[in-house]
Amino acid sequence: MTAPAATEEHSSLSAGVRAGLPFVLPTLALGVSFGVLAEPVMGEVAPVVMSIVVFAGAAQFASLSVLAAAGGPGAAILAGLLMNARFLPMGFAIAPSLRGRALKRAAQGQAVVDASWAIARRPDGTFDRGVLLGATIPQAIGWMGGTLIGVLGGSALAGLEKFGIDAIFPAFYLALLWAEGGSRRGLVVAVIGGAITRSRMSCVPAGLAVIAASLAALIGLRRTGATAG
C-alpha cells in the first residue's frame, strides 16, 4: 500500500545539510567521549560498529553504562531499546510528512534523530523532510568519526572530562529544549518531564525514566485537542 503523499513544500537536501552543520562539533565531541569510554569496555571495533549500526547516542551511552557495571549483553540491549523508545512518538509525528511506499518511508525514518527532528518541525506541526534528511548527514559523520577518534585516541583522550566534555550531552539537549519550548505550555511540559525523569532515575532501569517523562507531553496534546475542538 502506498502511503498518502505529503502536500507541503520541502527544502532541498543541501539546505538540510547546511541546517545541520552547527551540530557537527557537539556531535563530534559526544562521539569522541563515547569512543574513549567504550574502548576499555568493548574493545576497538565494537564501539565503531555500534555507532554505525545503532547511531543513537543516548541509547549507546545507556548500553555502555550497563556493560561498564558488569551487566550482561541482554541488559545492555534492553537499556538501549528503552532509551530509543522515544523515537516511536517522534516517528508517528513525522510520518505524514514522508513520501513513498512503506520501505522508502522506513528508510527515510532512519534519519530521525533528536536535533534533526527538532529543527525540521514547523510551527504548524508538520515537518520539512529535506531538513530532516539533510541535517542528519553531517551529524552522522560527526558521531561516527568522533567515535573512531575516541577509540583510537584511547588513554591520550581519557582526561577530557576535566575540560567539561561530560557537560556537552546535557547542554546539547538543553539547547534543543530551548528552541522547542518557547511557549508557556512547552515550558510547563519540559519542567514536569524533567521532574518525572529525576524522580524515577534511581528506581527504574535506564530508559524507563525517559519514557515515563514523555507522559508530560500529554498535557500539550490535551491542550492542542481542546483548542482544535
N, C-alpha and C. Protein backbone atom coordinates (compact mmCIF):
# COMPACT_ATOMS: atom_id res chain seq x y z
N MET A 1 0.85 -1.20 0.00
CA MET A 1 0.00 0.00 0.00
C MET A 1 0.88 1.24 0.00
N THR A 2 0.54 2.18 -0.86
CA THR A 2 1.30 3.42 -0.93
C THR A 2 0.77 4.42 0.07
N ALA A 3 1.66 5.02 0.85
CA ALA A 3 1.25 5.98 1.86
C ALA A 3 0.82 7.27 1.19
N PRO A 4 -0.11 7.99 1.78
CA PRO A 4 -0.54 9.27 1.21
C PRO A 4 0.64 10.22 1.07
N ALA A 5 0.72 10.88 -0.06
CA ALA A 5 1.83 11.81 -0.29
C ALA A 5 1.62 13.08 0.51
N ALA A 6 2.71 13.59 1.04
CA ALA A 6 2.65 14.86 1.76
C ALA A 6 2.50 15.99 0.76
N THR A 7 1.71 17.00 1.10
CA THR A 7 1.44 18.07 0.14
C THR A 7 2.25 19.33 0.42
N GLU A 8 2.82 19.46 1.60
CA GLU A 8 3.53 20.69 1.91
C GLU A 8 4.87 20.74 1.18
N GLU A 9 5.40 21.97 1.04
CA GLU A 9 6.68 22.15 0.39
C GLU A 9 7.81 21.71 1.31
N HIS A 10 8.87 21.19 0.69
CA HIS A 10 10.01 20.73 1.46
C HIS A 10 11.29 21.37 0.93
N SER A 11 12.24 21.59 1.83
CA SER A 11 13.53 22.14 1.44
C SER A 11 14.35 21.10 0.69
N SER A 12 15.42 21.56 0.04
CA SER A 12 16.31 20.63 -0.65
C SER A 12 17.20 19.93 0.37
N LEU A 13 17.79 18.83 -0.06
CA LEU A 13 18.69 18.07 0.81
C LEU A 13 19.89 18.92 1.21
N SER A 14 20.40 19.72 0.29
CA SER A 14 21.56 20.56 0.59
C SER A 14 21.22 21.62 1.64
N ALA A 15 20.00 22.14 1.59
CA ALA A 15 19.57 23.09 2.61
C ALA A 15 19.52 22.42 3.98
N GLY A 16 19.10 21.16 4.00
CA GLY A 16 19.08 20.41 5.24
C GLY A 16 20.48 20.18 5.79
N VAL A 17 21.41 19.88 4.89
CA VAL A 17 22.81 19.70 5.32
C VAL A 17 23.33 20.97 5.96
N ARG A 18 23.06 22.11 5.35
CA ARG A 18 23.51 23.39 5.91
C ARG A 18 22.88 23.63 7.28
N ALA A 19 21.62 23.25 7.43
CA ALA A 19 20.94 23.43 8.71
C ALA A 19 21.55 22.55 9.81
N GLY A 20 22.13 21.42 9.39
CA GLY A 20 22.71 20.50 10.37
C GLY A 20 24.16 20.77 10.71
N LEU A 21 24.82 21.64 9.97
CA LEU A 21 26.24 21.89 10.21
C LEU A 21 26.56 22.41 11.62
N PRO A 22 25.72 23.28 12.23
CA PRO A 22 26.05 23.73 13.59
C PRO A 22 26.10 22.62 14.62
N PHE A 23 25.53 21.46 14.30
CA PHE A 23 25.51 20.35 15.26
C PHE A 23 26.71 19.42 15.10
N VAL A 24 27.57 19.68 14.11
CA VAL A 24 28.67 18.76 13.85
C VAL A 24 29.66 18.72 15.01
N LEU A 25 30.10 19.88 15.49
CA LEU A 25 31.12 19.91 16.54
C LEU A 25 30.63 19.28 17.85
N PRO A 26 29.43 19.65 18.36
CA PRO A 26 28.98 18.97 19.58
C PRO A 26 28.77 17.47 19.38
N THR A 27 28.30 17.08 18.20
CA THR A 27 28.11 15.65 17.94
C THR A 27 29.45 14.94 17.86
N LEU A 28 30.44 15.59 17.25
CA LEU A 28 31.79 15.03 17.18
C LEU A 28 32.35 14.84 18.59
N ALA A 29 32.17 15.86 19.44
CA ALA A 29 32.67 15.77 20.81
C ALA A 29 32.00 14.66 21.59
N LEU A 30 30.70 14.50 21.39
CA LEU A 30 29.99 13.40 22.05
C LEU A 30 30.49 12.05 21.56
N GLY A 31 30.75 11.95 20.25
CA GLY A 31 31.28 10.71 19.69
C GLY A 31 32.65 10.37 20.25
N VAL A 32 33.50 11.39 20.39
CA VAL A 32 34.82 11.16 20.98
C VAL A 32 34.68 10.66 22.41
N SER A 33 33.78 11.29 23.16
CA SER A 33 33.55 10.89 24.54
C SER A 33 33.09 9.43 24.61
N PHE A 34 32.17 9.07 23.74
CA PHE A 34 31.69 7.68 23.73
C PHE A 34 32.81 6.72 23.37
N GLY A 35 33.60 7.06 22.36
CA GLY A 35 34.70 6.18 21.97
C GLY A 35 35.72 5.97 23.07
N VAL A 36 36.05 7.06 23.78
CA VAL A 36 37.02 6.98 24.88
C VAL A 36 36.50 6.07 25.98
N LEU A 37 35.22 6.24 26.35
CA LEU A 37 34.65 5.45 27.43
C LEU A 37 34.37 4.01 27.03
N ALA A 38 34.03 3.79 25.75
CA ALA A 38 33.65 2.45 25.31
C ALA A 38 34.84 1.55 25.02
N GLU A 39 35.97 2.11 24.61
CA GLU A 39 37.10 1.27 24.20
C GLU A 39 37.59 0.33 25.30
N PRO A 40 37.74 0.77 26.57
CA PRO A 40 38.18 -0.16 27.60
C PRO A 40 37.16 -1.25 27.91
N VAL A 41 35.88 -0.97 27.63
CA VAL A 41 34.82 -1.92 27.96
C VAL A 41 34.50 -2.85 26.79
N MET A 42 34.53 -2.32 25.57
CA MET A 42 34.05 -3.06 24.41
C MET A 42 35.14 -3.38 23.40
N GLY A 43 36.33 -2.84 23.60
CA GLY A 43 37.38 -3.05 22.61
C GLY A 43 37.37 -1.97 21.55
N GLU A 44 38.15 -2.14 20.50
CA GLU A 44 38.31 -1.09 19.49
C GLU A 44 37.27 -1.15 18.38
N VAL A 45 36.84 -2.34 18.01
CA VAL A 45 35.96 -2.48 16.84
C VAL A 45 34.49 -2.27 17.21
N ALA A 46 34.03 -2.87 18.30
CA ALA A 46 32.61 -2.85 18.65
C ALA A 46 32.03 -1.45 18.80
N PRO A 47 32.73 -0.49 19.45
CA PRO A 47 32.13 0.85 19.57
C PRO A 47 31.89 1.52 18.21
N VAL A 48 32.84 1.35 17.28
CA VAL A 48 32.68 1.96 15.96
C VAL A 48 31.53 1.32 15.21
N VAL A 49 31.46 -0.02 15.25
CA VAL A 49 30.36 -0.73 14.59
C VAL A 49 29.03 -0.32 15.21
N MET A 50 29.00 -0.18 16.52
CA MET A 50 27.77 0.22 17.20
C MET A 50 27.32 1.60 16.77
N SER A 51 28.26 2.53 16.62
CA SER A 51 27.91 3.88 16.20
C SER A 51 27.38 3.92 14.77
N ILE A 52 27.87 3.00 13.94
CA ILE A 52 27.39 2.93 12.56
C ILE A 52 26.01 2.28 12.48
N VAL A 53 25.83 1.19 13.19
CA VAL A 53 24.59 0.41 13.11
C VAL A 53 23.48 1.03 13.96
N VAL A 54 23.79 1.41 15.19
CA VAL A 54 22.77 1.94 16.10
C VAL A 54 22.55 3.43 15.86
N PHE A 55 23.65 4.21 15.80
CA PHE A 55 23.60 5.65 15.55
C PHE A 55 22.58 6.34 16.46
N ALA A 56 22.74 6.14 17.75
CA ALA A 56 21.84 6.76 18.73
C ALA A 56 22.62 6.97 20.01
N GLY A 57 23.07 8.21 20.22
CA GLY A 57 23.96 8.49 21.33
C GLY A 57 23.42 8.11 22.69
N ALA A 58 22.18 8.52 22.99
CA ALA A 58 21.62 8.24 24.31
C ALA A 58 21.52 6.74 24.55
N ALA A 59 21.07 5.99 23.55
CA ALA A 59 20.94 4.54 23.69
C ALA A 59 22.31 3.89 23.85
N GLN A 60 23.30 4.37 23.13
CA GLN A 60 24.63 3.78 23.21
C GLN A 60 25.27 4.05 24.57
N PHE A 61 25.11 5.26 25.09
CA PHE A 61 25.64 5.55 26.42
C PHE A 61 24.92 4.72 27.48
N ALA A 62 23.60 4.53 27.32
CA ALA A 62 22.85 3.72 28.27
C ALA A 62 23.34 2.28 28.26
N SER A 63 23.53 1.72 27.07
CA SER A 63 24.03 0.35 26.96
C SER A 63 25.43 0.23 27.53
N LEU A 64 26.26 1.23 27.25
CA LEU A 64 27.63 1.22 27.75
C LEU A 64 27.67 1.25 29.28
N SER A 65 26.77 2.05 29.88
CA SER A 65 26.75 2.14 31.34
C SER A 65 26.39 0.80 31.96
N VAL A 66 25.52 0.05 31.29
CA VAL A 66 25.16 -1.29 31.79
C VAL A 66 26.34 -2.23 31.69
N LEU A 67 27.03 -2.21 30.55
CA LEU A 67 28.19 -3.08 30.36
C LEU A 67 29.32 -2.71 31.32
N ALA A 68 29.53 -1.42 31.54
CA ALA A 68 30.58 -0.99 32.45
C ALA A 68 30.30 -1.40 33.89
N ALA A 69 29.01 -1.58 34.20
CA ALA A 69 28.62 -2.01 35.55
C ALA A 69 28.54 -3.52 35.64
N ALA A 70 29.15 -4.21 34.69
CA ALA A 70 29.20 -5.68 34.66
C ALA A 70 27.86 -6.31 34.33
N GLY A 71 26.99 -5.55 33.68
CA GLY A 71 25.73 -6.12 33.22
C GLY A 71 25.93 -6.96 31.97
N GLY A 72 25.01 -7.85 31.70
CA GLY A 72 25.11 -8.73 30.54
C GLY A 72 24.68 -8.05 29.25
N PRO A 73 24.97 -8.68 28.10
CA PRO A 73 24.57 -8.11 26.81
C PRO A 73 23.06 -7.91 26.70
N GLY A 74 22.29 -8.84 27.26
CA GLY A 74 20.83 -8.70 27.19
C GLY A 74 20.35 -7.46 27.89
N ALA A 75 20.89 -7.19 29.07
CA ALA A 75 20.51 -6.00 29.82
C ALA A 75 20.95 -4.73 29.10
N ALA A 76 22.12 -4.78 28.46
CA ALA A 76 22.60 -3.62 27.71
C ALA A 76 21.71 -3.32 26.51
N ILE A 77 21.29 -4.38 25.81
CA ILE A 77 20.39 -4.20 24.66
C ILE A 77 19.05 -3.64 25.13
N LEU A 78 18.54 -4.16 26.24
CA LEU A 78 17.27 -3.67 26.77
C LEU A 78 17.35 -2.20 27.13
N ALA A 79 18.46 -1.80 27.76
CA ALA A 79 18.63 -0.40 28.13
C ALA A 79 18.61 0.49 26.90
N GLY A 80 19.29 0.05 25.84
CA GLY A 80 19.31 0.83 24.60
C GLY A 80 17.94 0.90 23.95
N LEU A 81 17.20 -0.21 23.96
CA LEU A 81 15.86 -0.23 23.37
C LEU A 81 14.91 0.68 24.13
N LEU A 82 15.00 0.64 25.45
CA LEU A 82 14.14 1.50 26.25
C LEU A 82 14.43 2.97 25.98
N MET A 83 15.72 3.31 25.88
CA MET A 83 16.08 4.69 25.61
C MET A 83 15.60 5.13 24.22
N ASN A 84 15.65 4.23 23.26
CA ASN A 84 15.25 4.57 21.90
C ASN A 84 13.74 4.51 21.69
N ALA A 85 13.00 4.08 22.71
CA ALA A 85 11.54 4.02 22.57
C ALA A 85 10.94 5.40 22.35
N ARG A 86 11.69 6.45 22.68
CA ARG A 86 11.18 7.80 22.46
C ARG A 86 10.98 8.10 20.98
N PHE A 87 11.65 7.33 20.12
CA PHE A 87 11.52 7.58 18.69
C PHE A 87 10.17 7.12 18.14
N LEU A 88 9.43 6.31 18.88
CA LEU A 88 8.11 5.87 18.42
C LEU A 88 7.15 7.05 18.28
N PRO A 89 6.92 7.84 19.33
CA PRO A 89 6.04 9.00 19.13
C PRO A 89 6.61 10.03 18.15
N MET A 90 7.94 10.16 18.12
CA MET A 90 8.55 11.08 17.16
C MET A 90 8.27 10.60 15.74
N GLY A 91 8.34 9.28 15.53
CA GLY A 91 8.06 8.70 14.22
C GLY A 91 6.61 8.89 13.81
N PHE A 92 5.68 8.71 14.76
CA PHE A 92 4.27 8.93 14.46
C PHE A 92 4.02 10.37 14.03
N ALA A 93 4.71 11.30 14.68
CA ALA A 93 4.51 12.71 14.37
C ALA A 93 5.01 13.07 12.98
N ILE A 94 6.13 12.47 12.59
CA ILE A 94 6.74 12.87 11.32
C ILE A 94 6.24 12.05 10.13
N ALA A 95 5.56 10.92 10.38
CA ALA A 95 5.14 10.02 9.31
C ALA A 95 4.34 10.70 8.20
N PRO A 96 3.38 11.59 8.51
CA PRO A 96 2.61 12.20 7.42
C PRO A 96 3.44 13.07 6.48
N SER A 97 4.63 13.47 6.89
CA SER A 97 5.47 14.33 6.06
C SER A 97 6.44 13.52 5.19
N LEU A 98 6.42 12.20 5.31
CA LEU A 98 7.27 11.35 4.48
C LEU A 98 6.51 10.88 3.26
N ARG A 99 7.24 10.49 2.22
CA ARG A 99 6.61 10.10 0.96
C ARG A 99 7.10 8.74 0.50
N GLY A 100 6.33 8.11 -0.38
CA GLY A 100 6.73 6.85 -0.98
C GLY A 100 6.07 5.65 -0.33
N ARG A 101 6.46 4.47 -0.81
CA ARG A 101 5.94 3.22 -0.26
C ARG A 101 6.56 2.95 1.10
N ALA A 102 6.08 1.90 1.74
CA ALA A 102 6.47 1.62 3.12
C ALA A 102 7.97 1.51 3.30
N LEU A 103 8.65 0.80 2.40
CA LEU A 103 10.09 0.60 2.54
C LEU A 103 10.84 1.92 2.41
N LYS A 104 10.45 2.76 1.48
CA LYS A 104 11.10 4.05 1.31
C LYS A 104 10.86 4.95 2.52
N ARG A 105 9.64 4.92 3.04
CA ARG A 105 9.32 5.73 4.22
C ARG A 105 10.10 5.25 5.44
N ALA A 106 10.26 3.93 5.54
CA ALA A 106 11.04 3.38 6.65
C ALA A 106 12.49 3.81 6.56
N ALA A 107 13.03 3.84 5.32
CA ALA A 107 14.42 4.28 5.13
C ALA A 107 14.57 5.75 5.51
N GLN A 108 13.61 6.57 5.12
CA GLN A 108 13.66 7.99 5.49
C GLN A 108 13.56 8.15 7.01
N GLY A 109 12.82 7.25 7.66
CA GLY A 109 12.66 7.33 9.10
C GLY A 109 13.95 7.10 9.86
N GLN A 110 14.94 6.48 9.23
CA GLN A 110 16.23 6.26 9.89
C GLN A 110 16.97 7.58 10.14
N ALA A 111 16.53 8.64 9.46
CA ALA A 111 17.16 9.95 9.65
C ALA A 111 16.61 10.68 10.87
N VAL A 112 15.64 10.09 11.55
CA VAL A 112 15.06 10.75 12.72
C VAL A 112 16.01 10.65 13.90
N VAL A 113 16.68 11.74 14.18
CA VAL A 113 17.48 11.89 15.39
C VAL A 113 16.99 13.17 16.08
N ASP A 114 17.34 13.34 17.33
CA ASP A 114 16.73 14.41 18.13
C ASP A 114 16.88 15.79 17.49
N ALA A 115 18.11 16.15 17.11
CA ALA A 115 18.33 17.50 16.59
C ALA A 115 17.63 17.71 15.25
N SER A 116 17.73 16.73 14.36
CA SER A 116 17.10 16.86 13.04
C SER A 116 15.59 16.94 13.17
N TRP A 117 15.03 16.13 14.05
CA TRP A 117 13.58 16.16 14.28
C TRP A 117 13.15 17.54 14.77
N ALA A 118 13.92 18.10 15.69
CA ALA A 118 13.56 19.39 16.28
C ALA A 118 13.63 20.53 15.27
N ILE A 119 14.70 20.57 14.47
CA ILE A 119 14.84 21.71 13.55
C ILE A 119 13.98 21.53 12.30
N ALA A 120 13.53 20.29 12.02
CA ALA A 120 12.68 20.06 10.85
C ALA A 120 11.22 20.36 11.15
N ARG A 121 10.88 20.49 12.42
CA ARG A 121 9.49 20.72 12.80
C ARG A 121 9.08 22.15 12.49
N ARG A 122 7.91 22.28 11.86
CA ARG A 122 7.35 23.59 11.55
C ARG A 122 6.37 24.01 12.65
N PRO A 123 6.06 25.31 12.73
CA PRO A 123 5.12 25.78 13.77
C PRO A 123 3.74 25.13 13.68
N ASP A 124 3.34 24.70 12.47
CA ASP A 124 2.00 24.10 12.33
C ASP A 124 1.99 22.61 12.65
N GLY A 125 3.13 22.05 13.08
CA GLY A 125 3.17 20.64 13.45
C GLY A 125 3.63 19.72 12.34
N THR A 126 3.76 20.21 11.11
CA THR A 126 4.29 19.40 10.03
C THR A 126 5.82 19.45 10.07
N PHE A 127 6.46 18.66 9.20
CA PHE A 127 7.92 18.57 9.20
C PHE A 127 8.47 18.77 7.80
N ASP A 128 9.62 19.43 7.73
CA ASP A 128 10.32 19.65 6.47
C ASP A 128 11.22 18.44 6.22
N ARG A 129 10.82 17.61 5.27
CA ARG A 129 11.54 16.37 5.01
C ARG A 129 12.97 16.62 4.55
N GLY A 130 13.20 17.65 3.74
CA GLY A 130 14.55 17.95 3.28
C GLY A 130 15.47 18.32 4.42
N VAL A 131 14.96 19.10 5.38
CA VAL A 131 15.77 19.46 6.55
C VAL A 131 16.07 18.23 7.39
N LEU A 132 15.06 17.39 7.59
CA LEU A 132 15.24 16.17 8.39
C LEU A 132 16.34 15.29 7.81
N LEU A 133 16.23 14.98 6.53
CA LEU A 133 17.19 14.07 5.90
C LEU A 133 18.57 14.71 5.79
N GLY A 134 18.62 15.96 5.34
CA GLY A 134 19.91 16.61 5.14
C GLY A 134 20.65 16.89 6.43
N ALA A 135 19.94 17.32 7.48
CA ALA A 135 20.60 17.68 8.73
C ALA A 135 21.22 16.48 9.41
N THR A 136 20.71 15.29 9.14
CA THR A 136 21.24 14.08 9.78
C THR A 136 22.59 13.67 9.19
N ILE A 137 22.85 14.03 7.94
CA ILE A 137 24.08 13.60 7.27
C ILE A 137 25.33 14.10 7.99
N PRO A 138 25.49 15.41 8.24
CA PRO A 138 26.70 15.87 8.95
C PRO A 138 26.77 15.35 10.39
N GLN A 139 25.61 15.17 11.02
CA GLN A 139 25.62 14.63 12.38
C GLN A 139 26.10 13.17 12.39
N ALA A 140 25.69 12.40 11.40
CA ALA A 140 26.14 11.02 11.31
C ALA A 140 27.65 10.96 11.13
N ILE A 141 28.18 11.82 10.27
CA ILE A 141 29.63 11.86 10.05
C ILE A 141 30.34 12.25 11.34
N GLY A 142 29.80 13.24 12.04
CA GLY A 142 30.42 13.68 13.29
C GLY A 142 30.40 12.60 14.36
N TRP A 143 29.27 11.92 14.49
CA TRP A 143 29.14 10.88 15.53
C TRP A 143 30.05 9.68 15.25
N MET A 144 30.03 9.19 14.03
CA MET A 144 30.84 8.02 13.70
C MET A 144 32.32 8.37 13.69
N GLY A 145 32.64 9.53 13.13
CA GLY A 145 34.04 9.96 13.12
C GLY A 145 34.55 10.23 14.52
N GLY A 146 33.73 10.83 15.37
CA GLY A 146 34.12 11.08 16.74
C GLY A 146 34.36 9.80 17.51
N THR A 147 33.51 8.81 17.30
CA THR A 147 33.70 7.52 17.96
C THR A 147 35.04 6.91 17.57
N LEU A 148 35.35 6.96 16.28
CA LEU A 148 36.62 6.41 15.80
C LEU A 148 37.80 7.15 16.42
N ILE A 149 37.72 8.47 16.49
CA ILE A 149 38.80 9.26 17.11
C ILE A 149 38.96 8.89 18.58
N GLY A 150 37.83 8.75 19.27
CA GLY A 150 37.88 8.40 20.69
C GLY A 150 38.47 7.04 20.93
N VAL A 151 38.12 6.08 20.08
CA VAL A 151 38.65 4.72 20.22
C VAL A 151 40.15 4.70 19.95
N LEU A 152 40.57 5.35 18.89
CA LEU A 152 41.98 5.35 18.52
C LEU A 152 42.80 6.20 19.48
N GLY A 153 42.20 7.30 19.99
CA GLY A 153 42.92 8.17 20.91
C GLY A 153 43.15 7.52 22.26
N GLY A 154 42.19 6.70 22.67
CA GLY A 154 42.33 5.93 23.90
C GLY A 154 42.74 6.75 25.11
N SER A 155 43.81 6.32 25.75
CA SER A 155 44.25 6.93 27.00
C SER A 155 44.68 8.38 26.82
N ALA A 156 45.11 8.73 25.62
CA ALA A 156 45.54 10.11 25.38
C ALA A 156 44.39 11.10 25.53
N LEU A 157 43.14 10.61 25.34
CA LEU A 157 41.97 11.47 25.44
C LEU A 157 41.16 11.19 26.69
N ALA A 158 41.64 10.29 27.53
CA ALA A 158 40.85 9.84 28.68
C ALA A 158 40.60 10.95 29.70
N GLY A 159 41.39 12.01 29.70
CA GLY A 159 41.20 13.08 30.68
C GLY A 159 40.34 14.22 30.19
N LEU A 160 39.61 14.01 29.10
CA LEU A 160 38.82 15.10 28.53
C LEU A 160 37.72 15.59 29.47
N GLU A 161 37.28 14.73 30.40
CA GLU A 161 36.18 15.17 31.27
C GLU A 161 36.56 16.39 32.10
N LYS A 162 37.86 16.60 32.34
CA LYS A 162 38.24 17.77 33.15
C LYS A 162 38.06 19.07 32.37
N PHE A 163 37.87 18.96 31.06
CA PHE A 163 37.61 20.15 30.25
C PHE A 163 36.11 20.38 30.06
N GLY A 164 35.31 19.59 30.74
CA GLY A 164 33.87 19.79 30.68
C GLY A 164 33.17 19.05 29.57
N ILE A 165 33.84 18.08 28.94
CA ILE A 165 33.19 17.37 27.84
C ILE A 165 31.99 16.57 28.32
N ASP A 166 32.00 16.21 29.62
CA ASP A 166 30.88 15.45 30.14
C ASP A 166 29.62 16.31 30.24
N ALA A 167 29.77 17.64 30.13
CA ALA A 167 28.61 18.53 30.19
C ALA A 167 28.00 18.77 28.81
N ILE A 168 28.67 18.31 27.76
CA ILE A 168 28.17 18.57 26.41
C ILE A 168 26.84 17.87 26.16
N PHE A 169 26.71 16.63 26.66
CA PHE A 169 25.50 15.86 26.40
C PHE A 169 24.25 16.57 26.93
N PRO A 170 24.21 16.93 28.24
CA PRO A 170 23.03 17.66 28.71
C PRO A 170 22.88 19.04 28.08
N ALA A 171 24.00 19.71 27.79
CA ALA A 171 23.91 21.03 27.16
C ALA A 171 23.31 20.93 25.76
N PHE A 172 23.66 19.87 25.05
CA PHE A 172 23.14 19.64 23.71
C PHE A 172 21.61 19.56 23.73
N TYR A 173 21.08 18.78 24.69
CA TYR A 173 19.64 18.61 24.75
C TYR A 173 18.94 19.84 25.33
N LEU A 174 19.62 20.56 26.21
CA LEU A 174 19.05 21.80 26.72
C LEU A 174 18.89 22.82 25.61
N ALA A 175 19.86 22.84 24.68
CA ALA A 175 19.76 23.76 23.54
C ALA A 175 18.56 23.43 22.67
N LEU A 176 18.33 22.15 22.44
CA LEU A 176 17.16 21.73 21.66
C LEU A 176 15.87 22.07 22.40
N LEU A 177 15.88 21.86 23.71
CA LEU A 177 14.70 22.17 24.51
C LEU A 177 14.39 23.66 24.46
N TRP A 178 15.43 24.48 24.50
CA TRP A 178 15.24 25.93 24.45
C TRP A 178 14.57 26.34 23.14
N ALA A 179 15.01 25.70 22.04
CA ALA A 179 14.45 26.03 20.73
C ALA A 179 12.99 25.58 20.62
N GLU A 180 12.65 24.45 21.28
CA GLU A 180 11.30 23.90 21.16
C GLU A 180 10.34 24.43 22.21
N GLY A 181 10.86 24.85 23.36
CA GLY A 181 9.98 25.17 24.48
C GLY A 181 9.76 26.64 24.72
N GLY A 182 9.61 27.41 23.66
CA GLY A 182 9.46 28.84 23.82
C GLY A 182 8.13 29.26 24.42
N SER A 183 7.08 28.45 24.28
CA SER A 183 5.77 28.81 24.80
C SER A 183 5.65 28.46 26.27
N ARG A 184 4.67 29.02 26.92
CA ARG A 184 4.43 28.71 28.33
C ARG A 184 4.06 27.24 28.49
N ARG A 185 3.25 26.73 27.57
CA ARG A 185 2.86 25.32 27.62
C ARG A 185 4.08 24.42 27.47
N GLY A 186 4.98 24.78 26.54
CA GLY A 186 6.18 23.98 26.34
C GLY A 186 7.06 23.98 27.58
N LEU A 187 7.14 25.13 28.25
CA LEU A 187 7.95 25.22 29.47
C LEU A 187 7.37 24.34 30.57
N VAL A 188 6.03 24.37 30.73
CA VAL A 188 5.39 23.54 31.75
C VAL A 188 5.63 22.06 31.49
N VAL A 189 5.49 21.64 30.22
CA VAL A 189 5.72 20.24 29.86
C VAL A 189 7.16 19.85 30.13
N ALA A 190 8.11 20.74 29.79
CA ALA A 190 9.52 20.43 30.00
C ALA A 190 9.85 20.27 31.48
N VAL A 191 9.30 21.17 32.31
CA VAL A 191 9.57 21.11 33.75
C VAL A 191 8.99 19.83 34.36
N ILE A 192 7.76 19.50 33.99
CA ILE A 192 7.13 18.29 34.52
C ILE A 192 7.88 17.05 34.04
N GLY A 193 8.26 17.04 32.76
CA GLY A 193 9.02 15.91 32.23
C GLY A 193 10.34 15.73 32.94
N GLY A 194 11.03 16.84 33.20
CA GLY A 194 12.29 16.76 33.93
C GLY A 194 12.11 16.25 35.35
N ALA A 195 11.03 16.69 36.00
CA ALA A 195 10.76 16.24 37.36
C ALA A 195 10.46 14.75 37.40
N ILE A 196 9.70 14.26 36.42
CA ILE A 196 9.39 12.83 36.37
C ILE A 196 10.67 12.03 36.16
N THR A 197 11.52 12.48 35.24
CA THR A 197 12.77 11.78 34.97
C THR A 197 13.64 11.73 36.22
N ARG A 198 13.79 12.87 36.89
CA ARG A 198 14.64 12.92 38.08
C ARG A 198 14.12 12.01 39.19
N SER A 199 12.82 11.94 39.35
CA SER A 199 12.25 11.15 40.43
C SER A 199 12.33 9.65 40.17
N ARG A 200 12.43 9.27 38.89
CA ARG A 200 12.43 7.85 38.54
C ARG A 200 13.83 7.28 38.29
N MET A 201 14.83 8.14 38.12
CA MET A 201 16.16 7.68 37.70
C MET A 201 16.78 6.65 38.64
N SER A 202 16.55 6.79 39.93
CA SER A 202 17.21 5.92 40.90
C SER A 202 16.46 4.63 41.17
N CYS A 203 15.27 4.47 40.60
CA CYS A 203 14.48 3.28 40.95
C CYS A 203 13.94 2.50 39.76
N VAL A 204 14.28 2.89 38.53
CA VAL A 204 13.84 2.13 37.36
C VAL A 204 15.03 1.92 36.43
N PRO A 205 14.97 0.93 35.54
CA PRO A 205 16.08 0.70 34.59
C PRO A 205 16.29 1.89 33.68
N ALA A 206 17.51 1.98 33.13
CA ALA A 206 17.84 3.07 32.21
C ALA A 206 16.85 3.11 31.06
N GLY A 207 16.35 4.29 30.76
CA GLY A 207 15.41 4.45 29.67
C GLY A 207 13.97 4.58 30.11
N LEU A 208 13.57 3.84 31.15
CA LEU A 208 12.19 3.90 31.60
C LEU A 208 11.84 5.28 32.13
N ALA A 209 12.80 5.94 32.78
CA ALA A 209 12.55 7.28 33.29
C ALA A 209 12.24 8.25 32.15
N VAL A 210 12.95 8.10 31.04
CA VAL A 210 12.71 8.96 29.88
C VAL A 210 11.33 8.70 29.29
N ILE A 211 10.96 7.40 29.21
CA ILE A 211 9.64 7.06 28.67
C ILE A 211 8.55 7.60 29.57
N ALA A 212 8.73 7.47 30.89
CA ALA A 212 7.74 7.99 31.84
C ALA A 212 7.62 9.50 31.69
N ALA A 213 8.74 10.17 31.45
CA ALA A 213 8.71 11.63 31.31
C ALA A 213 7.91 12.06 30.09
N SER A 214 7.83 11.20 29.07
CA SER A 214 7.08 11.57 27.87
C SER A 214 5.59 11.71 28.16
N LEU A 215 5.12 11.18 29.31
CA LEU A 215 3.72 11.35 29.68
C LEU A 215 3.38 12.83 29.84
N ALA A 216 4.38 13.64 30.16
CA ALA A 216 4.13 15.08 30.32
C ALA A 216 3.67 15.70 29.01
N ALA A 217 4.05 15.09 27.88
CA ALA A 217 3.64 15.62 26.59
C ALA A 217 2.13 15.52 26.40
N LEU A 218 1.47 14.64 27.15
CA LEU A 218 0.02 14.51 27.04
C LEU A 218 -0.68 15.81 27.43
N ILE A 219 -0.01 16.62 28.27
CA ILE A 219 -0.58 17.92 28.63
C ILE A 219 -0.72 18.79 27.39
N GLY A 220 0.37 18.84 26.61
CA GLY A 220 0.33 19.61 25.38
C GLY A 220 -0.67 19.04 24.39
N LEU A 221 -0.77 17.70 24.33
CA LEU A 221 -1.70 17.05 23.41
C LEU A 221 -3.15 17.40 23.78
N ARG A 222 -3.44 17.36 25.08
CA ARG A 222 -4.79 17.68 25.53
C ARG A 222 -5.14 19.11 25.22
N ARG A 223 -4.17 20.02 25.48
CA ARG A 223 -4.44 21.44 25.22
C ARG A 223 -4.64 21.68 23.74
N THR A 224 -3.84 20.98 22.89
CA THR A 224 -3.97 21.15 21.44
C THR A 224 -5.33 20.67 20.97
N GLY A 225 -5.74 19.49 21.50
CA GLY A 225 -7.03 18.94 21.12
C GLY A 225 -8.17 19.85 21.53
N ALA A 226 -8.05 20.45 22.74
CA ALA A 226 -9.10 21.35 23.20
C ALA A 226 -9.19 22.59 22.32
N THR A 227 -8.03 23.09 21.89
CA THR A 227 -8.02 24.26 21.02
C THR A 227 -8.65 23.96 19.67
N ALA A 228 -8.29 22.75 19.11
CA ALA A 228 -8.82 22.37 17.82
C ALA A 228 -10.33 22.18 17.87
N GLY A 229 -10.85 21.68 19.03
CA GLY A 229 -12.26 21.45 19.16
C GLY A 229 -13.04 22.75 19.29
